[in-house]
Amino acid sequence: MTSHINYAYRDKSYFSDDNRGYILEQNILDAGIDIIPLNCQFSIGIYGKNLLNEVKHGGDSQLPSMLGTPPFAAPLGGTFSPLAKGRIFGVQLTYRYRS
């Protein structure tokens, strides 16, 4: 049996020239256990990712104030911030092929 626990912290960070684009701080905790029977070609594991269920932003990007060119320009503005998945649990079966 093997196990792992991973913890990562990322502080709030700015990535645009005017410091209006930023990524929020995050605390991410992942863990898992793998069971590997002796002399077997397979293993089974259970895992959890983002166990603290933190909201994870991919990047908070500033959108342009207008989309297109006049006279067909449309107001836009705001920000775009894709979200990563929340808490995830899973089971994994692995087979190791031997020739």
PDB file of N, CA and C in Angstrom:
ATOM      1  N   MET A   1       0.854  -1.167   0.000  1.00  0.00           N
ATOM      2  CA  MET A   1       0.000   0.000   0.000  1.00  0.00           C
ATOM      3  C   MET A   1       0.903   1.234   0.000  1.00  0.00           C
ATOM      4  N   THR A   2       0.529   2.196  -0.807  1.00  0.00           N
ATOM      5  CA  THR A   2       1.221   3.487  -0.803  1.00  0.00           C
ATOM      6  C   THR A   2       0.177   4.584  -0.645  1.00  0.00           C
ATOM      7  N   SER A   3       0.611   5.684  -0.094  1.00  0.00           N
ATOM      8  CA  SER A   3      -0.305   6.812   0.078  1.00  0.00           C
ATOM      9  C   SER A   3       0.436   8.110  -0.212  1.00  0.00           C
ATOM     10  N   HIS A   4      -0.330   9.147  -0.477  1.00  0.00           N
ATOM     11  CA  HIS A   4       0.276  10.456  -0.697  1.00  0.00           C
ATOM     12  C   HIS A   4      -0.680  11.553  -0.236  1.00  0.00           C
ATOM     13  N   ILE A   5      -0.088  12.613   0.239  1.00  0.00           N
ATOM     14  CA  ILE A   5      -0.825  13.822   0.597  1.00  0.00           C
ATOM     15  C   ILE A   5      -0.038  14.994   0.019  1.00  0.00           C
ATOM     16  N   ASN A   6      -0.721  15.845  -0.712  1.00  0.00           N
ATOM     17  CA  ASN A   6      -0.087  17.027  -1.304  1.00  0.00           C
ATOM     18  C   ASN A   6      -0.841  18.271  -0.851  1.00  0.00           C
ATOM     19  N   TYR A   7      -0.073  19.260  -0.420  1.00  0.00           N
ATOM     20  CA  TYR A   7      -0.665  20.546  -0.048  1.00  0.00           C
ATOM     21  C   TYR A   7       0.069  21.631  -0.824  1.00  0.00           C
ATOM     22  N   ALA A   8      -0.676  22.555  -1.388  1.00  0.00           N
ATOM     23  CA  ALA A   8      -0.065  23.673  -2.120  1.00  0.00           C
ATOM     24  C   ALA A   8      -0.777  24.961  -1.721  1.00  0.00           C
ATOM     25  N   TYR A   9       0.003  26.009  -1.555  1.00  0.00           N
ATOM     26  CA  TYR A   9      -0.543  27.329  -1.269  1.00  0.00           C
ATOM     27  C   TYR A   9      -0.056  28.288  -2.342  1.00  0.00           C
ATOM     28  N   ARG A  10      -0.962  29.101  -2.850  1.00  0.00           N
ATOM     29  CA  ARG A  10      -0.573  30.136  -3.798  1.00  0.00           C
ATOM     30  C   ARG A  10      -1.162  31.447  -3.313  1.00  0.00           C
ATOM     31  N   ASP A  11      -0.307  32.441  -3.141  1.00  0.00           N
ATOM     32  CA  ASP A  11      -0.740  33.760  -2.696  1.00  0.00           C
ATOM     33  C   ASP A  11      -1.418  34.504  -3.844  1.00  0.00           C
ATOM     34  N   LYS A  12      -2.208  35.506  -3.518  1.00  0.00           N
ATOM     35  CA  LYS A  12      -2.828  36.346  -4.543  1.00  0.00           C
ATOM     36  C   LYS A  12      -1.709  36.957  -5.385  1.00  0.00           C
ATOM     37  N   SER A  13      -1.871  36.899  -6.699  1.00  0.00           N
ATOM     38  CA  SER A  13      -0.831  37.445  -7.564  1.00  0.00           C
ATOM     39  C   SER A  13      -1.462  38.227  -8.710  1.00  0.00           C
ATOM     40  N   TYR A  14      -0.785  39.304  -9.093  1.00  0.00           N
ATOM     41  CA  TYR A  14      -1.246  40.171 -10.174  1.00  0.00           C
ATOM     42  C   TYR A  14      -0.479  39.828 -11.441  1.00  0.00           C
ATOM     43  N   PHE A  15      -1.162  39.863 -12.581  1.00  0.00           N
ATOM     44  CA  PHE A  15      -0.470  39.527 -13.816  1.00  0.00           C
ATOM     45  C   PHE A  15      -0.680  40.548 -14.931  1.00  0.00           C
ATOM     46  N   SER A  16      -1.396  41.630 -14.682  1.00  0.00           N
ATOM     47  CA  SER A  16      -1.577  42.647 -15.722  1.00  0.00           C
ATOM     48  C   SER A  16      -0.752  43.885 -15.371  1.00  0.00           C
ATOM     49  N   ASP A  17      -0.477  44.703 -16.372  1.00  0.00           N
ATOM     50  CA  ASP A  17       0.355  45.885 -16.165  1.00  0.00           C
ATOM     51  C   ASP A  17      -0.262  46.876 -15.182  1.00  0.00           C
ATOM     52  N   ASP A  18      -1.589  46.971 -15.165  1.00  0.00           N
ATOM     53  CA  ASP A  18      -2.242  47.932 -14.281  1.00  0.00           C
ATOM     54  C   ASP A  18      -2.674  47.308 -12.947  1.00  0.00           C
ATOM     55  N   ASN A  19      -2.269  46.059 -12.680  1.00  0.00           N
ATOM     56  CA  ASN A  19      -2.593  45.328 -11.454  1.00  0.00           C
ATOM     57  C   ASN A  19      -4.092  45.145 -11.245  1.00  0.00           C
ATOM     58  N   ARG A  20      -4.876  45.209 -12.325  1.00  0.00           N
ATOM     59  CA  ARG A  20      -6.297  44.924 -12.207  1.00  0.00           C
ATOM     60  C   ARG A  20      -6.602  43.462 -12.487  1.00  0.00           C
ATOM     61  N   GLY A  21      -5.720  42.781 -13.193  1.00  0.00           N
ATOM     62  CA  GLY A  21      -5.872  41.344 -13.430  1.00  0.00           C
ATOM     63  C   GLY A  21      -5.128  40.578 -12.353  1.00  0.00           C
ATOM     64  N   TYR A  22      -5.819  39.671 -11.671  1.00  0.00           N
ATOM     65  CA  TYR A  22      -5.179  38.939 -10.582  1.00  0.00           C
ATOM     66  C   TYR A  22      -5.763  37.536 -10.451  1.00  0.00           C
ATOM     67  N   ILE A  23      -5.031  36.713  -9.727  1.00  0.00           N
ATOM     68  CA  ILE A  23      -5.463  35.365  -9.372  1.00  0.00           C
ATOM     69  C   ILE A  23      -5.546  35.322  -7.854  1.00  0.00           C
ATOM     70  N   LEU A  24      -6.676  34.863  -7.310  1.00  0.00           N
ATOM     71  CA  LEU A  24      -6.868  34.814  -5.862  1.00  0.00           C
ATOM     72  C   LEU A  24      -5.969  33.775  -5.211  1.00  0.00           C
ATOM     73  N   GLU A  25      -5.742  33.940  -3.904  1.00  0.00           N
ATOM     74  CA  GLU A  25      -4.960  32.943  -3.176  1.00  0.00           C
ATOM     75  C   GLU A  25      -5.721  31.630  -3.116  1.00  0.00           C
ATOM     76  N   GLN A  26      -4.975  30.529  -2.972  1.00  0.00           N
ATOM     77  CA  GLN A  26      -5.576  29.206  -2.940  1.00  0.00           C
ATOM     78  C   GLN A  26      -4.856  28.314  -1.939  1.00  0.00           C
ATOM     79  N   ASN A  27      -5.615  27.440  -1.298  1.00  0.00           N
ATOM     80  CA  ASN A  27      -5.094  26.356  -0.472  1.00  0.00           C
ATOM     81  C   ASN A  27      -5.633  25.071  -1.084  1.00  0.00           C
ATOM     82  N   ILE A  28      -4.754  24.251  -1.639  1.00  0.00           N
ATOM     83  CA  ILE A  28      -5.180  23.043  -2.326  1.00  0.00           C
ATOM     84  C   ILE A  28      -4.618  21.813  -1.598  1.00  0.00           C
ATOM     85  N   LEU A  29      -5.512  20.876  -1.263  1.00  0.00           N
ATOM     86  CA  LEU A  29      -5.123  19.643  -0.575  1.00  0.00           C
ATOM     87  C   LEU A  29      -5.600  18.451  -1.403  1.00  0.00           C
ATOM     88  N   ASP A  30      -4.655  17.574  -1.787  1.00  0.00           N
ATOM     89  CA  ASP A  30      -4.948  16.343  -2.529  1.00  0.00           C
ATOM     90  C   ASP A  30      -4.433  15.164  -1.708  1.00  0.00           C
ATOM     91  N   ALA A  31      -5.098  14.010  -1.803  1.00  0.00           N
ATOM     92  CA  ALA A  31      -4.649  12.814  -1.087  1.00  0.00           C
ATOM     93  C   ALA A  31      -5.092  11.575  -1.847  1.00  0.00           C
ATOM     94  N   GLY A  32      -4.400  10.459  -1.604  1.00  0.00           N
ATOM     95  CA  GLY A  32      -4.781   9.210  -2.244  1.00  0.00           C
ATOM     96  C   GLY A  32      -4.104   8.015  -1.609  1.00  0.00           C
ATOM     97  N   ILE A  33      -4.697   6.851  -1.830  1.00  0.00           N
ATOM     98  CA  ILE A  33      -4.144   5.577  -1.352  1.00  0.00           C
ATOM     99  C   ILE A  33      -4.204   4.589  -2.512  1.00  0.00           C
ATOM    100  N   ASP A  34      -3.076   3.903  -2.763  1.00  0.00           N
ATOM    101  CA  ASP A  34      -3.009   2.863  -3.793  1.00  0.00           C
ATOM    102  C   ASP A  34      -2.734   1.526  -3.124  1.00  0.00           C
ATOM    103  N   ILE A  35      -3.438   0.486  -3.552  1.00  0.00           N
ATOM    104  CA  ILE A  35      -3.214  -0.868  -3.055  1.00  0.00           C
ATOM    105  C   ILE A  35      -2.668  -1.684  -4.215  1.00  0.00           C
ATOM    106  N   ILE A  36      -1.470  -2.258  -4.005  1.00  0.00           N
ATOM    107  CA  ILE A  36      -0.792  -3.033  -5.041  1.00  0.00           C
ATOM    108  C   ILE A  36      -0.540  -4.432  -4.481  1.00  0.00           C
ATOM    109  N   PRO A  37      -1.363  -5.425  -4.857  1.00  0.00           N
ATOM    110  CA  PRO A  37      -1.126  -6.789  -4.371  1.00  0.00           C
ATOM    111  C   PRO A  37       0.252  -7.287  -4.813  1.00  0.00           C
ATOM    112  N   LEU A  38       0.886  -8.081  -3.959  1.00  0.00           N
ATOM    113  CA  LEU A  38       2.226  -8.604  -4.222  1.00  0.00           C
ATOM    114  C   LEU A  38       2.241  -9.433  -5.502  1.00  0.00           C
ATOM    115  N   ASN A  39       3.236  -9.194  -6.359  1.00  0.00           N
ATOM    116  CA  ASN A  39       3.434  -9.913  -7.622  1.00  0.00           C
ATOM    117  C   ASN A  39       2.252  -9.799  -8.591  1.00  0.00           C
ATOM    118  N   CYS A  40       1.537  -8.710  -8.538  1.00  0.00           N
ATOM    119  CA  CYS A  40       0.408  -8.511  -9.449  1.00  0.00           C
ATOM    120  C   CYS A  40       0.728  -7.400 -10.440  1.00  0.00           C
ATOM    121  N   GLN A  41       0.020  -7.437 -11.556  1.00  0.00           N
ATOM    122  CA  GLN A  41       0.217  -6.446 -12.598  1.00  0.00           C
ATOM    123  C   GLN A  41      -0.796  -5.316 -12.512  1.00  0.00           C
ATOM    124  N   PHE A  42      -1.604  -5.307 -11.482  1.00  0.00           N
ATOM    125  CA  PHE A  42      -2.601  -4.262 -11.369  1.00  0.00           C
ATOM    126  C   PHE A  42      -2.544  -3.613  -9.989  1.00  0.00           C
ATOM    127  N   SER A  43      -3.117  -2.447  -9.899  1.00  0.00           N
ATOM    128  CA  SER A  43      -3.273  -1.760  -8.621  1.00  0.00           C
ATOM    129  C   SER A  43      -4.606  -1.026  -8.645  1.00  0.00           C
ATOM    130  N   ILE A  44      -5.134  -0.758  -7.487  1.00  0.00           N
ATOM    131  CA  ILE A  44      -6.364   0.011  -7.371  1.00  0.00           C
ATOM    132  C   ILE A  44      -6.114   1.136  -6.373  1.00  0.00           C
ATOM    133  N   GLY A  45      -6.622   2.287  -6.692  1.00  0.00           N
ATOM    134  CA  GLY A  45      -6.401   3.434  -5.827  1.00  0.00           C
ATOM    135  C   GLY A  45      -7.650   4.280  -5.681  1.00  0.00           C
ATOM    136  N   ILE A  46      -7.735   4.958  -4.557  1.00  0.00           N
ATOM    137  CA  ILE A  46      -8.784   5.952  -4.360  1.00  0.00           C
ATOM    138  C   ILE A  46      -8.087   7.281  -4.121  1.00  0.00           C
ATOM    139  N   TYR A  47      -8.702   8.355  -4.578  1.00  0.00           N
ATOM    140  CA  TYR A  47      -8.059   9.647  -4.439  1.00  0.00           C
ATOM    141  C   TYR A  47      -9.097  10.749  -4.262  1.00  0.00           C
ATOM    142  N   GLY A  48      -8.622  11.862  -3.747  1.00  0.00           N
ATOM    143  CA  GLY A  48      -9.429  13.065  -3.634  1.00  0.00           C
ATOM    144  C   GLY A  48      -8.577  14.249  -4.040  1.00  0.00           C
ATOM    145  N   LYS A  49      -9.152  15.148  -4.821  1.00  0.00           N
ATOM    146  CA  LYS A  49      -8.449  16.357  -5.251  1.00  0.00           C
ATOM    147  C   LYS A  49      -9.240  17.574  -4.780  1.00  0.00           C
ATOM    148  N   ASN A  50      -8.521  18.622  -4.421  1.00  0.00           N
ATOM    149  CA  ASN A  50      -9.132  19.852  -3.927  1.00  0.00           C
ATOM    150  C   ASN A  50     -10.073  19.536  -2.762  1.00  0.00           C
ATOM    151  N   LEU A  51      -9.571  18.792  -1.778  1.00  0.00           N
ATOM    152  CA  LEU A  51     -10.395  18.338  -0.662  1.00  0.00           C
ATOM    153  C   LEU A  51     -10.946  19.474   0.190  1.00  0.00           C
ATOM    154  N   LEU A  52     -10.320  20.637   0.157  1.00  0.00           N
ATOM    155  CA  LEU A  52     -10.825  21.797   0.905  1.00  0.00           C
ATOM    156  C   LEU A  52     -11.912  22.526   0.121  1.00  0.00           C
ATOM    157  N   ASN A  53     -12.184  22.059  -1.097  1.00  0.00           N
ATOM    158  CA  ASN A  53     -13.217  22.617  -1.980  1.00  0.00           C
ATOM    159  C   ASN A  53     -13.023  24.114  -2.215  1.00  0.00           C
ATOM    160  N   GLU A  54     -11.768  24.506  -2.450  1.00  0.00           N
ATOM    161  CA  GLU A  54     -11.439  25.903  -2.738  1.00  0.00           C
ATOM    162  C   GLU A  54     -11.895  26.266  -4.143  1.00  0.00           C
ATOM    163  N   VAL A  55     -12.370  27.478  -4.314  1.00  0.00           N
ATOM    164  CA  VAL A  55     -12.674  27.984  -5.646  1.00  0.00           C
ATOM    165  C   VAL A  55     -11.338  28.263  -6.319  1.00  0.00           C
ATOM    166  N   LYS A  56     -11.136  27.677  -7.487  1.00  0.00           N
ATOM    167  CA  LYS A  56      -9.863  27.852  -8.189  1.00  0.00           C
ATOM    168  C   LYS A  56     -10.115  28.599  -9.486  1.00  0.00           C
ATOM    169  N   HIS A  57      -9.610  29.813  -9.558  1.00  0.00           N
ATOM    170  CA  HIS A  57      -9.715  30.606 -10.778  1.00  0.00           C
ATOM    171  C   HIS A  57      -8.524  30.299 -11.659  1.00  0.00           C
ATOM    172  N   GLY A  58      -8.779  30.169 -12.949  1.00  0.00           N
ATOM    173  CA  GLY A  58      -7.690  29.944 -13.886  1.00  0.00           C
ATOM    174  C   GLY A  58      -6.905  31.206 -14.157  1.00  0.00           C
ATOM    175  N   GLY A  59      -7.511  32.345 -14.092  1.00  0.00           N
ATOM    176  CA  GLY A  59      -6.870  33.636 -14.327  1.00  0.00           C
ATOM    177  C   GLY A  59      -7.950  34.681 -14.539  1.00  0.00           C
ATOM    178  N   ASP A  60      -7.877  35.758 -13.831  1.00  0.00           N
ATOM    179  CA  ASP A  60      -8.874  36.818 -13.929  1.00  0.00           C
ATOM    180  C   ASP A  60      -8.373  37.825 -14.954  1.00  0.00           C
ATOM    181  N   SER A  61      -8.873  37.745 -16.175  1.00  0.00           N
ATOM    182  CA  SER A  61      -8.388  38.580 -17.274  1.00  0.00           C
ATOM    183  C   SER A  61      -9.352  39.729 -17.559  1.00  0.00           C
ATOM    184  N   GLN A  62      -8.800  40.911 -17.776  1.00  0.00           N
ATOM    185  CA  GLN A  62      -9.607  42.071 -18.128  1.00  0.00           C
ATOM    186  C   GLN A  62     -10.046  41.969 -19.581  1.00  0.00           C
ATOM    187  N   LEU A  63     -11.326  42.181 -19.844  1.00  0.00           N
ATOM    188  CA  LEU A  63     -11.848  42.178 -21.205  1.00  0.00           C
ATOM    189  C   LEU A  63     -11.847  43.605 -21.744  1.00  0.00           C
ATOM    190  N   PRO A  64     -11.713  43.794 -23.051  1.00  0.00           N
ATOM    191  CA  PRO A  64     -11.729  45.145 -23.611  1.00  0.00           C
ATOM    192  C   PRO A  64     -13.089  45.809 -23.383  1.00  0.00           C
ATOM    193  N   SER A  65     -13.092  47.138 -23.329  1.00  0.00           N
ATOM    194  CA  SER A  65     -14.340  47.858 -23.062  1.00  0.00           C
ATOM    195  C   SER A  65     -15.289  47.802 -24.256  1.00  0.00           C
ATOM    196  N   MET A  66     -14.753  47.635 -25.461  1.00  0.00           N
ATOM    197  CA  MET A  66     -15.596  47.543 -26.656  1.00  0.00           C
ATOM    198  C   MET A  66     -15.156  46.346 -27.488  1.00  0.00           C
ATOM    199  N   LEU A  67     -16.120  45.714 -28.158  1.00  0.00           N
ATOM    200  CA  LEU A  67     -15.831  44.589 -29.032  1.00  0.00           C
ATOM    201  C   LEU A  67     -16.201  44.997 -30.452  1.00  0.00           C
ATOM    202  N   GLY A  68     -15.257  44.937 -31.373  1.00  0.00           N
ATOM    203  CA  GLY A  68     -15.500  45.353 -32.749  1.00  0.00           C
ATOM    204  C   GLY A  68     -15.056  46.784 -32.990  1.00  0.00           C
ATOM    205  N   THR A  69     -15.371  47.280 -34.173  1.00  0.00           N
ATOM    206  CA  THR A  69     -15.013  48.650 -34.540  1.00  0.00           C
ATOM    207  C   THR A  69     -16.278  49.457 -34.835  1.00  0.00           C
ATOM    208  N   PRO A  70     -16.239  50.761 -34.545  1.00  0.00           N
ATOM    209  CA  PRO A  70     -17.418  51.604 -34.809  1.00  0.00           C
ATOM    210  C   PRO A  70     -17.752  51.564 -36.293  1.00  0.00           C
ATOM    211  N   PRO A  71     -18.945  51.625 -36.739  1.00  0.00           N
ATOM    212  CA  PRO A  71     -20.163  51.836 -35.945  1.00  0.00           C
ATOM    213  C   PRO A  71     -20.780  50.536 -35.448  1.00  0.00           C
ATOM    214  N   PHE A  72     -20.076  49.410 -35.611  1.00  0.00           N
ATOM    215  CA  PHE A  72     -20.633  48.113 -35.210  1.00  0.00           C
ATOM    216  C   PHE A  72     -20.070  47.633 -33.868  1.00  0.00           C
ATOM    217  N   ALA A  73     -19.475  48.510 -33.093  1.00  0.00           N
ATOM    218  CA  ALA A  73     -18.872  48.134 -31.816  1.00  0.00           C
ATOM    219  C   ALA A  73     -19.955  47.837 -30.785  1.00  0.00           C
ATOM    220  N   ALA A  74     -19.704  46.840 -29.985  1.00  0.00           N
ATOM    221  CA  ALA A  74     -20.629  46.470 -28.908  1.00  0.00           C
ATOM    222  C   ALA A  74     -19.916  46.647 -27.568  1.00  0.00           C
ATOM    223  N   PRO A  75     -20.599  47.223 -26.582  1.00  0.00           N
ATOM    224  CA  PRO A  75     -19.962  47.363 -25.269  1.00  0.00           C
ATOM    225  C   PRO A  75     -19.695  45.987 -24.660  1.00  0.00           C
ATOM    226  N   LEU A  76     -18.562  45.852 -24.032  1.00  0.00           N
ATOM    227  CA  LEU A  76     -18.188  44.567 -23.435  1.00  0.00           C
ATOM    228  C   LEU A  76     -17.750  44.817 -22.000  1.00  0.00           C
ATOM    229  N   GLY A  77     -16.475  45.020 -21.776  1.00  0.00           N
ATOM    230  CA  GLY A  77     -15.959  45.318 -20.445  1.00  0.00           C
ATOM    231  C   GLY A  77     -16.070  44.136 -19.497  1.00  0.00           C
ATOM    232  N   GLY A  78     -15.649  44.345 -18.275  1.00  0.00           N
ATOM    233  CA  GLY A  78     -15.697  43.311 -17.252  1.00  0.00           C
ATOM    234  C   GLY A  78     -14.460  42.439 -17.253  1.00  0.00           C
ATOM    235  N   THR A  79     -14.604  41.249 -16.690  1.00  0.00           N
ATOM    236  CA  THR A  79     -13.490  40.320 -16.592  1.00  0.00           C
ATOM    237  C   THR A  79     -13.929  38.924 -17.023  1.00  0.00           C
ATOM    238  N   PHE A  80     -12.955  38.103 -17.329  1.00  0.00           N
ATOM    239  CA  PHE A  80     -13.176  36.707 -17.661  1.00  0.00           C
ATOM    240  C   PHE A  80     -12.346  35.882 -16.700  1.00  0.00           C
ATOM    241  N   SER A  81     -12.964  34.970 -15.982  1.00  0.00           N
ATOM    242  CA  SER A  81     -12.251  34.179 -14.992  1.00  0.00           C
ATOM    243  C   SER A  81     -12.728  32.731 -15.025  1.00  0.00           C
ATOM    244  N   PRO A  82     -12.072  31.863 -15.808  1.00  0.00           N
ATOM    245  CA  PRO A  82     -12.503  30.466 -15.854  1.00  0.00           C
ATOM    246  C   PRO A  82     -12.281  29.781 -14.504  1.00  0.00           C
ATOM    247  N   LEU A  83     -13.192  28.913 -14.139  1.00  0.00           N
ATOM    248  CA  LEU A  83     -13.087  28.202 -12.867  1.00  0.00           C
ATOM    249  C   LEU A  83     -12.650  26.758 -13.095  1.00  0.00           C
ATOM    250  N   ALA A  84     -11.795  26.261 -12.205  1.00  0.00           N
ATOM    251  CA  ALA A  84     -11.427  24.849 -12.225  1.00  0.00           C
ATOM    252  C   ALA A  84     -12.466  24.083 -11.401  1.00  0.00           C
ATOM    253  N   LYS A  85     -12.445  22.784 -11.476  1.00  0.00           N
ATOM    254  CA  LYS A  85     -13.413  21.950 -10.769  1.00  0.00           C
ATOM    255  C   LYS A  85     -13.227  22.065  -9.264  1.00  0.00           C
ATOM    256  N   GLY A  86     -14.313  21.839  -8.538  1.00  0.00           N
ATOM    257  CA  GLY A  86     -14.273  21.819  -7.078  1.00  0.00           C
ATOM    258  C   GLY A  86     -13.749  20.482  -6.577  1.00  0.00           C
ATOM    259  N   ARG A  87     -14.231  20.057  -5.419  1.00  0.00           N
ATOM    260  CA  ARG A  87     -13.786  18.805  -4.803  1.00  0.00           C
ATOM    261  C   ARG A  87     -14.105  17.626  -5.722  1.00  0.00           C
ATOM    262  N   ILE A  88     -13.122  16.727  -5.878  1.00  0.00           N
ATOM    263  CA  ILE A  88     -13.270  15.552  -6.746  1.00  0.00           C
ATOM    264  C   ILE A  88     -12.826  14.309  -5.973  1.00  0.00           C
ATOM    265  N   PHE A  89     -13.615  13.244  -6.067  1.00  0.00           N
ATOM    266  CA  PHE A  89     -13.234  11.936  -5.538  1.00  0.00           C
ATOM    267  C   PHE A  89     -13.218  10.960  -6.700  1.00  0.00           C
ATOM    268  N   GLY A  90     -12.325   9.952  -6.630  1.00  0.00           N
ATOM    269  CA  GLY A  90     -12.280   9.001  -7.720  1.00  0.00           C
ATOM    270  C   GLY A  90     -11.629   7.686  -7.333  1.00  0.00           C
ATOM    271  N   VAL A  91     -11.796   6.717  -8.206  1.00  0.00           N
ATOM    272  CA  VAL A  91     -11.183   5.394  -8.080  1.00  0.00           C
ATOM    273  C   VAL A  91     -10.442   5.137  -9.379  1.00  0.00           C
ATOM    274  N   GLN A  92      -9.251   4.581  -9.262  1.00  0.00           N
ATOM    275  CA  GLN A  92      -8.431   4.328 -10.450  1.00  0.00           C
ATOM    276  C   GLN A  92      -7.920   2.898 -10.418  1.00  0.00           C
ATOM    277  N   LEU A  93      -8.086   2.189 -11.520  1.00  0.00           N
ATOM    278  CA  LEU A  93      -7.558   0.848 -11.672  1.00  0.00           C
ATOM    279  C   LEU A  93      -6.453   0.915 -12.725  1.00  0.00           C
ATOM    280  N   THR A  94      -5.270   0.418 -12.379  1.00  0.00           N
ATOM    281  CA  THR A  94      -4.120   0.466 -13.274  1.00  0.00           C
ATOM    282  C   THR A  94      -3.634  -0.951 -13.568  1.00  0.00           C
ATOM    283  N   TYR A  95      -3.401  -1.241 -14.847  1.00  0.00           N
ATOM    284  CA  TYR A  95      -2.855  -2.523 -15.265  1.00  0.00           C
ATOM    285  C   TYR A  95      -1.493  -2.283 -15.894  1.00  0.00           C
ATOM    286  N   ARG A  96      -0.494  -3.026 -15.452  1.00  0.00           N
ATOM    287  CA  ARG A  96       0.858  -2.905 -15.997  1.00  0.00           C
ATOM    288  C   ARG A  96       1.134  -4.096 -16.898  1.00  0.00           C
ATOM    289  N   TYR A  97       1.278  -3.808 -18.187  1.00  0.00           N
ATOM    290  CA  TYR A  97       1.518  -4.846 -19.172  1.00  0.00           C
ATOM    291  C   TYR A  97       2.987  -5.283 -19.112  1.00  0.00           C
ATOM    292  N   ARG A  98       3.209  -6.554 -19.047  1.00  0.00           N
ATOM    293  CA  ARG A  98       4.580  -7.112 -19.061  1.00  0.00           C
ATOM    294  C   ARG A  98       4.717  -8.009 -20.270  1.00  0.00           C
ATOM    295  N   SER A  99       5.769  -7.783 -21.044  1.00  0.00           N
ATOM    296  CA  SER A  99       5.957  -8.613 -22.239  1.00  0.00           C
ATOM    297  C   SER A  99       6.913  -9.751 -21.982  1.00  0.00           C
TER     298      SER A  99
END
